[in-house]
Amino acid sequence: MRAFNRYILFLVLAAFAINTAIAFVAPNDLTVFFTANVLAFLVITVLHAYLNPRARQSLNAIGIVLFGGFLVIVILKAVDVLSKK
């Protein structure tokens, strides 16, 4: 199995496991789904850092965008917590 195929397989299996587990715990909070999937994407991408440079560059760009979305969620949650004094 090629490295990129194994990478896709791990992403699909991780997304399936994470989304199934979260669906039973907190099915109404989409930020939990997004955050968990972004963290899984970033971890699996780091573990598969040996992909060819062009694929790695594209995945890094996607990771930066997803990490930006993660930071927006964290900031919004922090503002929500701090404003409920």
N, C-alpha and C. Protein backbone atom coordinates (compact mmCIF):
# COMPACT_ATOMS: atom_id res chain seq x y z
N MET A 1 0.85 -1.17 0.00
CA MET A 1 0.00 0.00 0.00
C MET A 1 0.91 1.24 0.00
N ARG A 2 0.58 2.18 -0.86
CA ARG A 2 1.38 3.40 -0.97
C ARG A 2 1.14 4.30 0.23
N ALA A 3 2.08 5.20 0.46
CA ALA A 3 2.01 6.07 1.64
C ALA A 3 0.77 6.96 1.60
N PHE A 4 0.45 7.51 0.44
CA PHE A 4 -0.70 8.41 0.37
C PHE A 4 -2.00 7.65 0.58
N ASN A 5 -2.10 6.43 0.07
CA ASN A 5 -3.29 5.61 0.29
C ASN A 5 -3.45 5.26 1.77
N ARG A 6 -2.34 4.96 2.43
CA ARG A 6 -2.38 4.67 3.86
C ARG A 6 -2.79 5.91 4.65
N TYR A 7 -2.33 7.07 4.22
CA TYR A 7 -2.70 8.34 4.86
C TYR A 7 -4.20 8.57 4.75
N ILE A 8 -4.76 8.39 3.57
CA ILE A 8 -6.20 8.56 3.36
C ILE A 8 -6.98 7.54 4.19
N LEU A 9 -6.51 6.31 4.24
CA LEU A 9 -7.18 5.28 5.03
C LEU A 9 -7.21 5.66 6.50
N PHE A 10 -6.09 6.12 7.05
CA PHE A 10 -6.04 6.53 8.45
C PHE A 10 -6.96 7.71 8.71
N LEU A 11 -7.02 8.66 7.78
CA LEU A 11 -7.92 9.81 7.95
C LEU A 11 -9.38 9.36 7.99
N VAL A 12 -9.74 8.47 7.09
CA VAL A 12 -11.13 8.00 7.04
C VAL A 12 -11.49 7.22 8.30
N LEU A 13 -10.60 6.33 8.73
CA LEU A 13 -10.88 5.55 9.93
C LEU A 13 -10.95 6.44 11.18
N ALA A 14 -10.06 7.41 11.27
CA ALA A 14 -10.08 8.31 12.42
C ALA A 14 -11.34 9.17 12.42
N ALA A 15 -11.72 9.68 11.27
CA ALA A 15 -12.94 10.49 11.18
C ALA A 15 -14.17 9.66 11.55
N PHE A 16 -14.22 8.42 11.07
CA PHE A 16 -15.34 7.55 11.40
C PHE A 16 -15.42 7.29 12.89
N ALA A 17 -14.29 6.95 13.50
CA ALA A 17 -14.28 6.65 14.94
C ALA A 17 -14.62 7.89 15.77
N ILE A 18 -14.04 9.02 15.42
CA ILE A 18 -14.28 10.25 16.17
C ILE A 18 -15.73 10.69 16.03
N ASN A 19 -16.25 10.71 14.83
CA ASN A 19 -17.62 11.18 14.62
C ASN A 19 -18.64 10.24 15.24
N THR A 20 -18.38 8.95 15.22
CA THR A 20 -19.29 7.99 15.86
C THR A 20 -19.28 8.19 17.37
N ALA A 21 -18.10 8.34 17.95
CA ALA A 21 -18.01 8.53 19.40
C ALA A 21 -18.68 9.84 19.83
N ILE A 22 -18.44 10.90 19.10
CA ILE A 22 -19.01 12.19 19.47
C ILE A 22 -20.53 12.20 19.26
N ALA A 23 -21.01 11.47 18.29
CA ALA A 23 -22.45 11.42 18.04
C ALA A 23 -23.20 10.86 19.24
N PHE A 24 -22.58 9.98 20.00
CA PHE A 24 -23.22 9.44 21.18
C PHE A 24 -23.08 10.34 22.39
N VAL A 25 -22.04 11.18 22.41
CA VAL A 25 -21.77 12.02 23.58
C VAL A 25 -22.41 13.40 23.46
N ALA A 26 -22.10 14.13 22.40
CA ALA A 26 -22.58 15.52 22.25
C ALA A 26 -23.03 15.75 20.81
N PRO A 27 -24.18 15.20 20.42
CA PRO A 27 -24.56 15.28 19.01
C PRO A 27 -25.00 16.65 18.53
N ASN A 28 -25.25 17.59 19.42
CA ASN A 28 -25.78 18.90 19.00
C ASN A 28 -24.72 19.99 18.88
N ASP A 29 -23.50 19.71 19.26
CA ASP A 29 -22.47 20.74 19.25
C ASP A 29 -21.50 20.50 18.09
N LEU A 30 -21.67 21.27 17.02
CA LEU A 30 -20.84 21.08 15.83
C LEU A 30 -19.40 21.52 16.05
N THR A 31 -19.15 22.41 17.00
CA THR A 31 -17.77 22.83 17.25
C THR A 31 -16.94 21.67 17.78
N VAL A 32 -17.56 20.77 18.51
CA VAL A 32 -16.84 19.59 19.01
C VAL A 32 -16.44 18.70 17.84
N PHE A 33 -17.35 18.49 16.91
CA PHE A 33 -17.04 17.69 15.72
C PHE A 33 -15.89 18.31 14.94
N PHE A 34 -15.98 19.62 14.69
CA PHE A 34 -14.95 20.30 13.90
C PHE A 34 -13.60 20.25 14.60
N THR A 35 -13.59 20.55 15.89
CA THR A 35 -12.32 20.58 16.63
C THR A 35 -11.67 19.20 16.67
N ALA A 36 -12.44 18.17 16.95
CA ALA A 36 -11.88 16.82 17.02
C ALA A 36 -11.35 16.37 15.67
N ASN A 37 -12.07 16.67 14.60
CA ASN A 37 -11.62 16.27 13.27
C ASN A 37 -10.39 17.06 12.83
N VAL A 38 -10.31 18.34 13.18
CA VAL A 38 -9.13 19.13 12.84
C VAL A 38 -7.91 18.59 13.58
N LEU A 39 -8.07 18.30 14.86
CA LEU A 39 -6.94 17.76 15.62
C LEU A 39 -6.49 16.41 15.07
N ALA A 40 -7.44 15.57 14.70
CA ALA A 40 -7.08 14.27 14.10
C ALA A 40 -6.35 14.47 12.78
N PHE A 41 -6.83 15.41 11.95
CA PHE A 41 -6.17 15.70 10.68
C PHE A 41 -4.73 16.15 10.91
N LEU A 42 -4.54 17.07 11.86
CA LEU A 42 -3.19 17.59 12.11
C LEU A 42 -2.25 16.51 12.64
N VAL A 43 -2.74 15.67 13.55
CA VAL A 43 -1.90 14.61 14.10
C VAL A 43 -1.54 13.58 13.03
N ILE A 44 -2.51 13.15 12.26
CA ILE A 44 -2.24 12.15 11.23
C ILE A 44 -1.34 12.73 10.14
N THR A 45 -1.50 14.00 9.82
CA THR A 45 -0.63 14.63 8.82
C THR A 45 0.81 14.71 9.32
N VAL A 46 0.99 15.01 10.60
CA VAL A 46 2.35 15.04 11.15
C VAL A 46 2.96 13.65 11.15
N LEU A 47 2.17 12.64 11.45
CA LEU A 47 2.68 11.27 11.46
C LEU A 47 3.04 10.77 10.06
N HIS A 48 2.43 11.35 9.03
CA HIS A 48 2.73 10.97 7.65
C HIS A 48 3.54 12.07 6.96
N ALA A 49 4.52 12.59 7.63
CA ALA A 49 5.32 13.69 7.10
C ALA A 49 6.24 13.26 5.97
N TYR A 50 6.36 11.98 5.73
CA TYR A 50 7.28 11.49 4.70
C TYR A 50 6.64 11.45 3.31
N LEU A 51 5.49 12.06 3.13
CA LEU A 51 4.87 12.13 1.81
C LEU A 51 5.73 12.99 0.89
N ASN A 52 5.48 12.92 -0.39
CA ASN A 52 6.30 13.70 -1.31
C ASN A 52 6.11 15.20 -1.04
N PRO A 53 7.09 16.01 -1.39
CA PRO A 53 7.06 17.43 -1.02
C PRO A 53 5.86 18.20 -1.56
N ARG A 54 5.40 17.87 -2.74
CA ARG A 54 4.26 18.59 -3.30
C ARG A 54 2.97 18.30 -2.52
N ALA A 55 2.76 17.03 -2.19
CA ALA A 55 1.59 16.65 -1.40
C ALA A 55 1.68 17.24 0.00
N ARG A 56 2.86 17.21 0.57
CA ARG A 56 3.05 17.77 1.92
C ARG A 56 2.77 19.26 1.94
N GLN A 57 3.19 19.97 0.89
CA GLN A 57 2.94 21.41 0.81
C GLN A 57 1.44 21.70 0.73
N SER A 58 0.72 20.94 -0.04
CA SER A 58 -0.74 21.11 -0.14
C SER A 58 -1.42 20.80 1.18
N LEU A 59 -0.99 19.73 1.84
CA LEU A 59 -1.59 19.36 3.12
C LEU A 59 -1.26 20.39 4.20
N ASN A 60 -0.08 20.98 4.13
CA ASN A 60 0.26 22.04 5.09
C ASN A 60 -0.63 23.26 4.89
N ALA A 61 -0.94 23.59 3.65
CA ALA A 61 -1.83 24.72 3.39
C ALA A 61 -3.23 24.44 3.93
N ILE A 62 -3.73 23.23 3.72
CA ILE A 62 -5.03 22.86 4.26
C ILE A 62 -4.99 22.89 5.78
N GLY A 63 -3.92 22.40 6.36
CA GLY A 63 -3.77 22.39 7.81
C GLY A 63 -3.76 23.79 8.40
N ILE A 64 -3.14 24.74 7.71
CA ILE A 64 -3.12 26.12 8.20
C ILE A 64 -4.53 26.70 8.22
N VAL A 65 -5.29 26.45 7.18
CA VAL A 65 -6.67 26.95 7.12
C VAL A 65 -7.51 26.31 8.22
N LEU A 66 -7.39 25.01 8.40
CA LEU A 66 -8.15 24.32 9.45
C LEU A 66 -7.73 24.78 10.85
N PHE A 67 -6.45 24.99 11.04
CA PHE A 67 -5.97 25.48 12.33
C PHE A 67 -6.49 26.88 12.60
N GLY A 68 -6.61 27.70 11.56
CA GLY A 68 -7.21 29.03 11.71
C GLY A 68 -8.66 28.92 12.16
N GLY A 69 -9.42 27.99 11.60
CA GLY A 69 -10.79 27.75 12.03
C GLY A 69 -10.85 27.28 13.47
N PHE A 70 -9.92 26.42 13.86
CA PHE A 70 -9.82 25.96 15.24
C PHE A 70 -9.57 27.13 16.18
N LEU A 71 -8.66 28.03 15.80
CA LEU A 71 -8.38 29.19 16.64
C LEU A 71 -9.59 30.12 16.77
N VAL A 72 -10.34 30.27 15.70
CA VAL A 72 -11.55 31.09 15.76
C VAL A 72 -12.54 30.50 16.76
N ILE A 73 -12.72 29.20 16.74
CA ILE A 73 -13.62 28.55 17.70
C ILE A 73 -13.13 28.73 19.12
N VAL A 74 -11.84 28.57 19.34
CA VAL A 74 -11.28 28.74 20.69
C VAL A 74 -11.48 30.17 21.17
N ILE A 75 -11.22 31.14 20.31
CA ILE A 75 -11.39 32.55 20.70
C ILE A 75 -12.86 32.85 21.00
N LEU A 76 -13.77 32.36 20.18
CA LEU A 76 -15.19 32.60 20.42
C LEU A 76 -15.65 31.96 21.73
N LYS A 77 -15.18 30.76 22.02
CA LYS A 77 -15.53 30.11 23.29
C LYS A 77 -14.94 30.87 24.47
N ALA A 78 -13.70 31.35 24.33
CA ALA A 78 -13.08 32.12 25.42
C ALA A 78 -13.82 33.42 25.67
N VAL A 79 -14.22 34.11 24.62
CA VAL A 79 -14.98 35.34 24.77
C VAL A 79 -16.33 35.05 25.42
N ASP A 80 -16.96 33.94 25.04
CA ASP A 80 -18.24 33.56 25.63
C ASP A 80 -18.09 33.28 27.13
N VAL A 81 -17.04 32.57 27.50
CA VAL A 81 -16.81 32.24 28.91
C VAL A 81 -16.49 33.52 29.69
N LEU A 82 -15.65 34.37 29.15
CA LEU A 82 -15.26 35.58 29.88
C LEU A 82 -16.37 36.60 29.98
N SER A 83 -17.31 36.59 29.04
CA SER A 83 -18.40 37.56 29.08
C SER A 83 -19.56 37.13 29.97
N LYS A 84 -19.56 35.92 30.48
CA LYS A 84 -20.64 35.42 31.34
C LYS A 84 -20.34 35.64 32.82
N LYS A 85 -19.65 36.69 33.17
CA LYS A 85 -19.32 36.95 34.58
C LYS A 85 -20.51 37.29 35.40
